[in-house]
Amino acid sequence: MGVFLAEDLSENPLEADDDEFLSVEKIPAREAIQMAERGDMPDAKSLAALLMVRPYLKETK
């Protein structure tokens, strides 16, 4: 698994594959960090990625 941070993106939705079932939930970074701190983020991959980028978010805000 790779983790990257992308900024200043624009939405350009493409048609999903027949076997692709994704839902996007936009959450502000600060709220996502609070969710992680409360233990409200059940997905370990998302939690790990968020905690890895947390120092960068603090520097740029």
N, C-alpha and C. Protein backbone atom coordinates (compact mmCIF):
# COMPACT_ATOMS: atom_id res chain seq x y z
N MET A 1 0.85 -1.17 0.00
CA MET A 1 0.00 0.00 0.00
C MET A 1 0.89 1.23 0.00
N GLY A 2 0.54 2.20 -0.79
CA GLY A 2 1.25 3.47 -0.82
C GLY A 2 0.39 4.57 -0.21
N VAL A 3 1.04 5.55 0.38
CA VAL A 3 0.34 6.69 0.97
C VAL A 3 0.93 7.96 0.38
N PHE A 4 0.07 8.89 -0.03
CA PHE A 4 0.56 10.16 -0.53
C PHE A 4 -0.42 11.25 -0.15
N LEU A 5 0.07 12.47 -0.11
CA LEU A 5 -0.75 13.63 0.19
C LEU A 5 -0.87 14.46 -1.08
N ALA A 6 -2.08 14.75 -1.48
CA ALA A 6 -2.32 15.57 -2.67
C ALA A 6 -3.09 16.81 -2.24
N GLU A 7 -2.72 17.94 -2.81
CA GLU A 7 -3.38 19.20 -2.46
C GLU A 7 -3.90 19.88 -3.71
N ASP A 8 -4.84 20.79 -3.52
CA ASP A 8 -5.40 21.60 -4.61
C ASP A 8 -5.93 20.74 -5.76
N LEU A 9 -6.68 19.72 -5.41
CA LEU A 9 -7.26 18.82 -6.41
C LEU A 9 -8.59 19.36 -6.89
N SER A 10 -8.99 18.91 -8.06
CA SER A 10 -10.32 19.24 -8.55
C SER A 10 -11.04 17.93 -8.89
N GLU A 11 -12.36 17.95 -8.74
CA GLU A 11 -13.14 16.75 -8.97
C GLU A 11 -13.36 16.55 -10.47
N ASN A 12 -13.12 15.34 -10.92
CA ASN A 12 -13.35 14.97 -12.31
C ASN A 12 -13.79 13.51 -12.31
N PRO A 13 -15.04 13.26 -11.94
CA PRO A 13 -15.48 11.87 -11.77
C PRO A 13 -15.47 11.07 -13.07
N LEU A 14 -14.97 9.87 -12.97
CA LEU A 14 -14.97 8.94 -14.09
C LEU A 14 -15.99 7.85 -13.80
N GLU A 15 -16.42 7.18 -14.84
CA GLU A 15 -17.35 6.07 -14.66
C GLU A 15 -16.63 4.93 -13.93
N ALA A 16 -17.29 4.35 -12.93
CA ALA A 16 -16.69 3.27 -12.16
C ALA A 16 -16.72 1.96 -12.95
N ASP A 17 -15.78 1.08 -12.63
CA ASP A 17 -15.80 -0.26 -13.20
C ASP A 17 -17.02 -1.00 -12.66
N ASP A 18 -17.43 -2.07 -13.34
CA ASP A 18 -18.60 -2.83 -12.92
C ASP A 18 -18.45 -3.41 -11.51
N ASP A 19 -17.21 -3.76 -11.13
CA ASP A 19 -16.99 -4.37 -9.82
C ASP A 19 -16.42 -3.38 -8.80
N GLU A 20 -16.53 -2.10 -9.07
CA GLU A 20 -15.96 -1.06 -8.21
C GLU A 20 -17.08 -0.37 -7.44
N PHE A 21 -17.02 -0.48 -6.13
CA PHE A 21 -18.04 0.12 -5.28
C PHE A 21 -17.36 1.02 -4.26
N LEU A 22 -17.29 2.30 -4.54
CA LEU A 22 -16.64 3.26 -3.67
C LEU A 22 -17.62 4.34 -3.27
N SER A 23 -17.47 4.81 -2.06
CA SER A 23 -18.21 6.00 -1.66
C SER A 23 -17.21 6.96 -1.04
N VAL A 24 -17.33 8.22 -1.36
CA VAL A 24 -16.41 9.24 -0.88
C VAL A 24 -17.12 10.07 0.18
N GLU A 25 -16.45 10.22 1.30
CA GLU A 25 -16.96 11.07 2.37
C GLU A 25 -15.89 12.11 2.67
N LYS A 26 -16.18 13.36 2.34
CA LYS A 26 -15.21 14.43 2.56
C LYS A 26 -15.29 14.88 4.02
N ILE A 27 -14.13 14.83 4.70
CA ILE A 27 -14.04 15.22 6.10
C ILE A 27 -12.85 16.17 6.23
N PRO A 28 -13.04 17.34 6.83
CA PRO A 28 -11.90 18.23 7.05
C PRO A 28 -10.80 17.53 7.85
N ALA A 29 -9.55 17.84 7.55
CA ALA A 29 -8.41 17.18 8.20
C ALA A 29 -8.50 17.28 9.71
N ARG A 30 -8.84 18.44 10.22
CA ARG A 30 -8.91 18.62 11.68
C ARG A 30 -9.95 17.67 12.29
N GLU A 31 -11.09 17.53 11.64
CA GLU A 31 -12.13 16.63 12.14
C GLU A 31 -11.68 15.17 12.06
N ALA A 32 -10.98 14.81 10.99
CA ALA A 32 -10.48 13.44 10.85
C ALA A 32 -9.48 13.11 11.95
N ILE A 33 -8.62 14.07 12.29
CA ILE A 33 -7.65 13.86 13.37
C ILE A 33 -8.38 13.67 14.69
N GLN A 34 -9.41 14.48 14.94
CA GLN A 34 -10.20 14.32 16.16
C GLN A 34 -10.87 12.95 16.20
N MET A 35 -11.38 12.49 15.08
CA MET A 35 -11.98 11.15 15.01
C MET A 35 -10.95 10.09 15.38
N ALA A 36 -9.74 10.23 14.85
CA ALA A 36 -8.67 9.27 15.14
C ALA A 36 -8.32 9.28 16.62
N GLU A 37 -8.23 10.47 17.20
CA GLU A 37 -7.90 10.58 18.62
C GLU A 37 -8.97 9.98 19.52
N ARG A 38 -10.23 10.05 19.09
CA ARG A 38 -11.34 9.47 19.86
C ARG A 38 -11.49 7.97 19.63
N GLY A 39 -10.80 7.44 18.65
CA GLY A 39 -10.95 6.03 18.32
C GLY A 39 -12.14 5.76 17.43
N ASP A 40 -12.62 6.79 16.73
CA ASP A 40 -13.80 6.66 15.88
C ASP A 40 -13.46 6.35 14.42
N MET A 41 -12.24 5.97 14.14
CA MET A 41 -11.84 5.66 12.77
C MET A 41 -11.51 4.17 12.70
N PRO A 42 -12.43 3.35 12.22
CA PRO A 42 -12.25 1.90 12.27
C PRO A 42 -11.27 1.34 11.24
N ASP A 43 -10.95 2.09 10.21
CA ASP A 43 -10.08 1.60 9.14
C ASP A 43 -8.62 1.88 9.48
N ALA A 44 -7.84 0.85 9.73
CA ALA A 44 -6.45 1.01 10.17
C ALA A 44 -5.58 1.69 9.11
N LYS A 45 -5.84 1.42 7.83
CA LYS A 45 -5.02 2.04 6.77
C LYS A 45 -5.24 3.55 6.75
N SER A 46 -6.48 3.98 6.86
CA SER A 46 -6.77 5.42 6.88
C SER A 46 -6.19 6.07 8.12
N LEU A 47 -6.30 5.39 9.24
CA LEU A 47 -5.76 5.91 10.49
C LEU A 47 -4.25 6.08 10.39
N ALA A 48 -3.56 5.08 9.88
CA ALA A 48 -2.11 5.16 9.74
C ALA A 48 -1.71 6.29 8.80
N ALA A 49 -2.39 6.43 7.68
CA ALA A 49 -2.08 7.50 6.72
C ALA A 49 -2.31 8.87 7.34
N LEU A 50 -3.41 9.02 8.06
CA LEU A 50 -3.72 10.30 8.69
C LEU A 50 -2.67 10.67 9.73
N LEU A 51 -2.28 9.71 10.55
CA LEU A 51 -1.29 9.99 11.58
C LEU A 51 0.09 10.28 10.98
N MET A 52 0.38 9.69 9.81
CA MET A 52 1.65 9.98 9.14
C MET A 52 1.68 11.41 8.61
N VAL A 53 0.56 11.92 8.15
CA VAL A 53 0.52 13.26 7.55
C VAL A 53 0.25 14.34 8.60
N ARG A 54 -0.13 13.95 9.79
CA ARG A 54 -0.50 14.92 10.84
C ARG A 54 0.57 16.00 11.08
N PRO A 55 1.86 15.66 11.20
CA PRO A 55 2.86 16.73 11.41
C PRO A 55 2.88 17.74 10.26
N TYR A 56 2.71 17.29 9.03
CA TYR A 56 2.68 18.19 7.88
C TYR A 56 1.49 19.12 7.97
N LEU A 57 0.34 18.59 8.34
CA LEU A 57 -0.87 19.41 8.43
C LEU A 57 -0.70 20.49 9.49
N LYS A 58 -0.03 20.17 10.59
CA LYS A 58 0.20 21.17 11.64
C LYS A 58 1.12 22.28 11.14
N GLU A 59 2.12 21.94 10.32
CA GLU A 59 3.06 22.93 9.80
C GLU A 59 2.41 23.88 8.80
N THR A 60 1.46 23.39 8.03
CA THR A 60 0.90 24.20 6.95
C THR A 60 -0.36 24.95 7.35
N LYS A 61 -0.88 24.74 8.51
CA LYS A 61 -2.12 25.42 8.93
C LYS A 61 -1.82 26.64 9.76
